[in-house]
């Protein structure tokens, strides 16, 4: 989680337009770095989603049929949430900020590239 802490902020940091080629290169480098973290975060969040989805499905299938199993799964669900809930919320916030920053950076990079191609 330490590697993601540098992206932990309340609002996305939206960059201004690219003014020159060296700034363009810096934006591309920043994009690549952030994208790597973004993908890594997505995998973590996806594993949480899958875990909770599976528990939810198991809970639903046990409901009304096997109450002992139902309460076991419910306990697992609560325990899993207790263990991962806060971390998930934190990582999800970072993920959303990164998503916005990446979207914005990509737009700035595209704008500069288009203008550069036009000459």
N, C-alpha and C. Protein backbone atom coordinates (compact mmCIF):
# COMPACT_ATOMS: atom_id res chain seq x y z
N UNK A 1 0.81 -1.21 0.00
CA UNK A 1 0.00 0.00 0.00
C UNK A 1 0.84 1.27 0.00
N UNK A 2 2.07 1.13 0.45
CA UNK A 2 2.96 2.29 0.52
C UNK A 2 3.17 2.89 -0.86
N UNK A 3 3.28 2.04 -1.87
CA UNK A 3 3.51 2.54 -3.22
C UNK A 3 2.33 3.36 -3.76
N UNK A 4 1.17 3.17 -3.18
CA UNK A 4 -0.01 3.92 -3.62
C UNK A 4 -0.22 5.20 -2.82
N UNK A 5 0.44 5.31 -1.68
CA UNK A 5 0.19 6.44 -0.79
C UNK A 5 0.51 7.78 -1.45
N UNK A 6 1.45 7.79 -2.40
CA UNK A 6 1.77 9.06 -3.06
C UNK A 6 0.62 9.56 -3.94
N UNK A 7 -0.31 8.67 -4.25
CA UNK A 7 -1.48 9.06 -5.05
C UNK A 7 -2.70 9.34 -4.18
N UNK A 8 -2.51 9.25 -2.89
CA UNK A 8 -3.62 9.45 -1.96
C UNK A 8 -3.87 10.94 -1.77
N UNK A 9 -4.95 11.42 -2.34
CA UNK A 9 -5.32 12.84 -2.22
C UNK A 9 -6.82 12.98 -2.37
N UNK A 10 -7.32 14.10 -1.91
CA UNK A 10 -8.77 14.31 -1.93
C UNK A 10 -9.30 14.47 -3.36
N UNK A 11 -8.55 15.21 -4.16
CA UNK A 11 -8.98 15.51 -5.53
C UNK A 11 -7.89 15.13 -6.52
N UNK A 12 -8.28 14.78 -7.73
CA UNK A 12 -7.27 14.52 -8.76
C UNK A 12 -6.48 15.79 -9.07
N UNK A 13 -5.23 15.63 -9.39
CA UNK A 13 -4.38 16.75 -9.77
C UNK A 13 -4.41 16.84 -11.29
N UNK A 14 -5.10 17.84 -11.80
CA UNK A 14 -5.28 17.95 -13.24
C UNK A 14 -4.27 18.93 -13.83
N UNK A 15 -3.47 18.43 -14.73
CA UNK A 15 -2.39 19.21 -15.34
C UNK A 15 -2.92 20.15 -16.42
N UNK A 16 -2.15 21.22 -16.64
CA UNK A 16 -2.48 22.16 -17.69
C UNK A 16 -2.06 21.62 -19.05
N UNK A 17 -2.36 22.37 -20.10
CA UNK A 17 -1.99 21.94 -21.46
C UNK A 17 -0.47 21.77 -21.60
N UNK A 18 -0.08 20.90 -22.50
CA UNK A 18 1.34 20.65 -22.78
C UNK A 18 1.85 21.82 -23.63
N UNK A 19 2.95 22.42 -23.18
CA UNK A 19 3.47 23.60 -23.87
C UNK A 19 4.62 23.28 -24.83
N UNK A 20 5.37 22.21 -24.53
CA UNK A 20 6.51 21.89 -25.39
C UNK A 20 6.79 20.39 -25.35
N UNK A 21 7.75 19.98 -26.16
CA UNK A 21 8.02 18.55 -26.29
C UNK A 21 8.57 17.92 -25.02
N UNK A 22 9.39 18.65 -24.27
CA UNK A 22 9.93 18.07 -23.03
C UNK A 22 8.81 17.87 -21.99
N UNK A 23 7.86 18.79 -21.98
CA UNK A 23 6.72 18.63 -21.08
C UNK A 23 5.85 17.45 -21.55
N UNK A 24 5.73 17.30 -22.85
CA UNK A 24 5.00 16.17 -23.42
C UNK A 24 5.63 14.86 -22.95
N UNK A 25 6.94 14.78 -23.03
CA UNK A 25 7.68 13.58 -22.60
C UNK A 25 7.45 13.32 -21.11
N UNK A 26 7.46 14.37 -20.32
CA UNK A 26 7.23 14.24 -18.87
C UNK A 26 5.81 13.73 -18.60
N UNK A 27 4.84 14.24 -19.34
CA UNK A 27 3.45 13.80 -19.18
C UNK A 27 3.30 12.32 -19.54
N UNK A 28 3.95 11.93 -20.62
CA UNK A 28 3.88 10.53 -21.06
C UNK A 28 4.51 9.63 -19.99
N UNK A 29 5.63 10.05 -19.46
CA UNK A 29 6.31 9.27 -18.41
C UNK A 29 5.42 9.16 -17.17
N UNK A 30 4.82 10.27 -16.78
CA UNK A 30 3.93 10.28 -15.62
C UNK A 30 2.73 9.36 -15.87
N UNK A 31 2.21 9.43 -17.08
CA UNK A 31 1.07 8.57 -17.45
C UNK A 31 1.44 7.10 -17.28
N UNK A 32 2.59 6.72 -17.80
CA UNK A 32 3.03 5.32 -17.74
C UNK A 32 3.20 4.86 -16.29
N UNK A 33 3.80 5.70 -15.48
CA UNK A 33 4.02 5.37 -14.07
C UNK A 33 2.69 5.19 -13.34
N UNK A 34 1.79 6.13 -13.56
CA UNK A 34 0.49 6.07 -12.89
C UNK A 34 -0.34 4.90 -13.41
N UNK A 35 -0.22 4.62 -14.69
CA UNK A 35 -1.00 3.54 -15.29
C UNK A 35 -0.61 2.19 -14.68
N UNK A 36 0.67 2.03 -14.41
CA UNK A 36 1.16 0.79 -13.79
C UNK A 36 0.51 0.60 -12.41
N UNK A 37 0.49 1.66 -11.61
CA UNK A 37 -0.15 1.59 -10.29
C UNK A 37 -1.65 1.37 -10.42
N UNK A 38 -2.24 2.02 -11.39
CA UNK A 38 -3.68 1.91 -11.65
C UNK A 38 -4.06 0.45 -11.94
N UNK A 39 -3.28 -0.19 -12.80
CA UNK A 39 -3.55 -1.60 -13.15
C UNK A 39 -3.37 -2.51 -11.95
N UNK A 40 -2.34 -2.25 -11.19
CA UNK A 40 -2.07 -3.04 -9.99
C UNK A 40 -3.20 -2.88 -8.97
N UNK A 41 -3.64 -1.66 -8.78
CA UNK A 41 -4.77 -1.40 -7.87
C UNK A 41 -6.04 -2.09 -8.37
N UNK A 42 -6.24 -2.04 -9.66
CA UNK A 42 -7.43 -2.68 -10.23
C UNK A 42 -7.45 -4.17 -9.92
N UNK A 43 -6.30 -4.82 -10.00
CA UNK A 43 -6.22 -6.26 -9.69
C UNK A 43 -6.60 -6.52 -8.24
N UNK A 44 -6.09 -5.70 -7.34
CA UNK A 44 -6.40 -5.86 -5.91
C UNK A 44 -7.89 -5.67 -5.67
N UNK A 45 -8.44 -4.60 -6.23
CA UNK A 45 -9.86 -4.31 -6.05
C UNK A 45 -10.73 -5.40 -6.67
N UNK A 46 -10.28 -5.93 -7.79
CA UNK A 46 -11.01 -7.01 -8.45
C UNK A 46 -11.03 -8.27 -7.58
N UNK A 47 -9.92 -8.54 -6.91
CA UNK A 47 -9.88 -9.73 -6.04
C UNK A 47 -10.86 -9.56 -4.87
N UNK A 48 -10.96 -8.34 -4.35
CA UNK A 48 -11.95 -8.08 -3.30
C UNK A 48 -13.36 -8.27 -3.84
N UNK A 49 -13.61 -7.70 -5.01
CA UNK A 49 -14.93 -7.82 -5.64
C UNK A 49 -15.30 -9.29 -5.81
N UNK A 50 -14.37 -10.06 -6.33
CA UNK A 50 -14.62 -11.48 -6.57
C UNK A 50 -14.91 -12.23 -5.28
N UNK A 51 -14.12 -11.92 -4.25
CA UNK A 51 -14.31 -12.57 -2.96
C UNK A 51 -15.70 -12.27 -2.40
N UNK A 52 -16.08 -11.00 -2.40
CA UNK A 52 -17.38 -10.62 -1.86
C UNK A 52 -18.52 -11.13 -2.73
N UNK A 53 -18.30 -11.14 -4.02
CA UNK A 53 -19.33 -11.65 -4.94
C UNK A 53 -19.57 -13.14 -4.69
N UNK A 54 -18.49 -13.88 -4.52
CA UNK A 54 -18.60 -15.32 -4.27
C UNK A 54 -19.33 -15.57 -2.95
N UNK A 55 -18.93 -14.84 -1.92
CA UNK A 55 -19.59 -14.99 -0.62
C UNK A 55 -21.08 -14.62 -0.73
N UNK A 56 -21.36 -13.58 -1.48
CA UNK A 56 -22.76 -13.16 -1.67
C UNK A 56 -23.57 -14.22 -2.39
N UNK A 57 -22.98 -14.82 -3.41
CA UNK A 57 -23.65 -15.88 -4.16
C UNK A 57 -23.87 -17.11 -3.28
N UNK A 58 -22.83 -17.48 -2.53
CA UNK A 58 -22.94 -18.63 -1.62
C UNK A 58 -24.01 -18.37 -0.56
N UNK A 59 -24.03 -17.15 -0.07
CA UNK A 59 -25.01 -16.77 0.96
C UNK A 59 -26.43 -16.91 0.40
N UNK A 60 -26.61 -16.41 -0.80
CA UNK A 60 -27.92 -16.46 -1.45
C UNK A 60 -28.37 -17.90 -1.69
N UNK A 61 -27.44 -18.76 -2.10
CA UNK A 61 -27.82 -20.15 -2.38
C UNK A 61 -28.11 -20.94 -1.10
N UNK A 62 -27.49 -20.55 0.01
CA UNK A 62 -27.73 -21.24 1.29
C UNK A 62 -29.01 -20.74 1.97
N UNK A 63 -29.42 -19.54 1.60
CA UNK A 63 -30.58 -18.90 2.23
C UNK A 63 -31.83 -19.78 2.10
N UNK A 64 -32.43 -20.06 3.24
CA UNK A 64 -33.67 -20.84 3.24
C UNK A 64 -33.47 -22.34 3.06
N UNK A 65 -32.24 -22.76 2.75
CA UNK A 65 -32.00 -24.19 2.53
C UNK A 65 -31.14 -24.79 3.64
N UNK A 66 -30.04 -24.11 3.92
CA UNK A 66 -29.10 -24.63 4.92
C UNK A 66 -28.72 -23.46 5.82
N UNK A 67 -29.49 -23.28 6.88
CA UNK A 67 -29.31 -22.10 7.73
C UNK A 67 -27.97 -22.11 8.47
N UNK A 68 -27.45 -23.28 8.78
CA UNK A 68 -26.15 -23.35 9.44
C UNK A 68 -25.07 -22.81 8.49
N UNK A 69 -25.14 -23.28 7.25
CA UNK A 69 -24.19 -22.82 6.23
C UNK A 69 -24.39 -21.31 5.99
N UNK A 70 -25.63 -20.90 5.96
CA UNK A 70 -25.97 -19.49 5.75
C UNK A 70 -25.29 -18.61 6.80
N UNK A 71 -25.41 -18.99 8.07
CA UNK A 71 -24.81 -18.19 9.14
C UNK A 71 -23.28 -18.27 9.14
N UNK A 72 -22.75 -19.40 8.70
CA UNK A 72 -21.29 -19.52 8.56
C UNK A 72 -20.78 -18.54 7.49
N UNK A 73 -21.47 -18.52 6.37
CA UNK A 73 -21.08 -17.63 5.27
C UNK A 73 -21.26 -16.17 5.68
N UNK A 74 -22.33 -15.90 6.39
CA UNK A 74 -22.58 -14.54 6.88
C UNK A 74 -21.44 -14.10 7.80
N UNK A 75 -20.99 -15.00 8.65
CA UNK A 75 -19.87 -14.70 9.55
C UNK A 75 -18.59 -14.46 8.73
N UNK A 76 -18.39 -15.27 7.70
CA UNK A 76 -17.22 -15.10 6.81
C UNK A 76 -17.28 -13.73 6.13
N UNK A 77 -18.46 -13.39 5.67
CA UNK A 77 -18.67 -12.12 4.99
C UNK A 77 -18.33 -10.95 5.92
N UNK A 78 -18.84 -11.02 7.12
CA UNK A 78 -18.56 -9.96 8.11
C UNK A 78 -17.07 -9.88 8.43
N UNK A 79 -16.46 -11.04 8.61
CA UNK A 79 -15.04 -11.08 8.93
C UNK A 79 -14.20 -10.53 7.78
N UNK A 80 -14.57 -10.90 6.59
CA UNK A 80 -13.87 -10.42 5.41
C UNK A 80 -14.00 -8.90 5.29
N UNK A 81 -15.19 -8.40 5.56
CA UNK A 81 -15.40 -6.95 5.51
C UNK A 81 -14.60 -6.26 6.61
N UNK A 82 -14.58 -6.87 7.78
CA UNK A 82 -13.82 -6.30 8.90
C UNK A 82 -12.33 -6.23 8.55
N UNK A 83 -11.84 -7.28 7.91
CA UNK A 83 -10.42 -7.34 7.54
C UNK A 83 -10.07 -6.39 6.40
N UNK A 84 -10.93 -6.33 5.40
CA UNK A 84 -10.57 -5.63 4.17
C UNK A 84 -11.33 -4.34 3.90
N UNK A 85 -12.38 -4.09 4.65
CA UNK A 85 -13.26 -2.95 4.36
C UNK A 85 -12.57 -1.61 4.27
N UNK A 86 -11.79 -1.26 5.28
CA UNK A 86 -11.13 0.04 5.29
C UNK A 86 -10.07 0.15 4.19
N UNK A 87 -9.32 -0.91 4.02
CA UNK A 87 -8.28 -0.91 2.98
C UNK A 87 -8.94 -0.79 1.60
N UNK A 88 -10.02 -1.51 1.42
CA UNK A 88 -10.73 -1.45 0.14
C UNK A 88 -11.21 -0.03 -0.15
N UNK A 89 -11.80 0.61 0.84
CA UNK A 89 -12.29 1.99 0.65
C UNK A 89 -11.15 2.93 0.29
N UNK A 90 -10.03 2.78 1.00
CA UNK A 90 -8.87 3.63 0.76
C UNK A 90 -8.32 3.41 -0.65
N UNK A 91 -8.15 2.16 -1.02
CA UNK A 91 -7.61 1.85 -2.35
C UNK A 91 -8.57 2.28 -3.46
N UNK A 92 -9.85 2.15 -3.19
CA UNK A 92 -10.86 2.55 -4.18
C UNK A 92 -10.79 4.06 -4.43
N UNK A 93 -10.60 4.83 -3.35
CA UNK A 93 -10.47 6.29 -3.49
C UNK A 93 -9.24 6.63 -4.34
N UNK A 94 -8.13 5.97 -4.04
CA UNK A 94 -6.89 6.21 -4.80
C UNK A 94 -7.11 5.83 -6.26
N UNK A 95 -7.78 4.71 -6.49
CA UNK A 95 -8.07 4.23 -7.83
C UNK A 95 -8.87 5.27 -8.62
N UNK A 96 -9.87 5.84 -7.99
CA UNK A 96 -10.73 6.84 -8.65
C UNK A 96 -9.92 8.10 -8.99
N UNK A 97 -9.08 8.54 -8.05
CA UNK A 97 -8.23 9.71 -8.30
C UNK A 97 -7.29 9.42 -9.48
N UNK A 98 -6.66 8.26 -9.46
CA UNK A 98 -5.76 7.88 -10.55
C UNK A 98 -6.50 7.81 -11.88
N UNK A 99 -7.69 7.27 -11.85
CA UNK A 99 -8.50 7.16 -13.07
C UNK A 99 -8.72 8.55 -13.69
N UNK A 100 -9.10 9.49 -12.86
CA UNK A 100 -9.34 10.86 -13.35
C UNK A 100 -8.05 11.50 -13.86
N UNK A 101 -6.97 11.32 -13.12
CA UNK A 101 -5.69 11.90 -13.54
C UNK A 101 -5.22 11.31 -14.86
N UNK A 102 -5.36 10.00 -14.99
CA UNK A 102 -4.94 9.33 -16.23
C UNK A 102 -5.78 9.80 -17.42
N UNK A 103 -7.07 9.90 -17.20
CA UNK A 103 -7.98 10.35 -18.26
C UNK A 103 -7.57 11.76 -18.72
N UNK A 104 -7.28 12.61 -17.75
CA UNK A 104 -6.91 13.99 -18.04
C UNK A 104 -5.55 14.06 -18.74
N UNK A 105 -4.58 13.32 -18.22
CA UNK A 105 -3.24 13.29 -18.83
C UNK A 105 -3.32 12.80 -20.28
N UNK A 106 -4.10 11.76 -20.48
CA UNK A 106 -4.24 11.19 -21.83
C UNK A 106 -4.80 12.24 -22.78
N UNK A 107 -5.78 12.99 -22.31
CA UNK A 107 -6.38 14.05 -23.13
C UNK A 107 -5.35 15.12 -23.47
N UNK A 108 -4.57 15.54 -22.48
CA UNK A 108 -3.54 16.57 -22.71
C UNK A 108 -2.48 16.06 -23.70
N UNK A 109 -2.10 14.81 -23.56
CA UNK A 109 -1.10 14.21 -24.45
C UNK A 109 -1.64 14.16 -25.88
N UNK A 110 -2.90 13.73 -26.01
CA UNK A 110 -3.53 13.66 -27.34
C UNK A 110 -3.63 15.03 -27.99
N UNK A 111 -4.02 16.03 -27.20
CA UNK A 111 -4.15 17.40 -27.72
C UNK A 111 -2.82 17.89 -28.27
N UNK A 112 -1.76 17.67 -27.50
CA UNK A 112 -0.44 18.13 -27.93
C UNK A 112 0.00 17.39 -29.19
N UNK A 113 -0.20 16.08 -29.19
CA UNK A 113 0.21 15.26 -30.34
C UNK A 113 -0.54 15.70 -31.60
N UNK A 114 -1.83 15.98 -31.46
CA UNK A 114 -2.63 16.41 -32.61
C UNK A 114 -2.12 17.76 -33.13
N UNK A 115 -1.85 18.68 -32.22
CA UNK A 115 -1.34 20.00 -32.61
C UNK A 115 0.05 19.88 -33.23
N UNK A 116 0.85 19.00 -32.69
CA UNK A 116 2.22 18.76 -33.17
C UNK A 116 2.19 18.21 -34.60
N UNK A 117 1.24 17.31 -34.84
CA UNK A 117 1.11 16.70 -36.17
C UNK A 117 0.66 17.74 -37.21
N UNK A 118 -0.18 18.67 -36.77
CA UNK A 118 -0.66 19.72 -37.68
C UNK A 118 0.45 20.71 -38.01
N UNK A 119 1.42 20.77 -37.09
CA UNK A 119 2.56 21.66 -37.32
C UNK A 119 2.30 22.95 -36.72
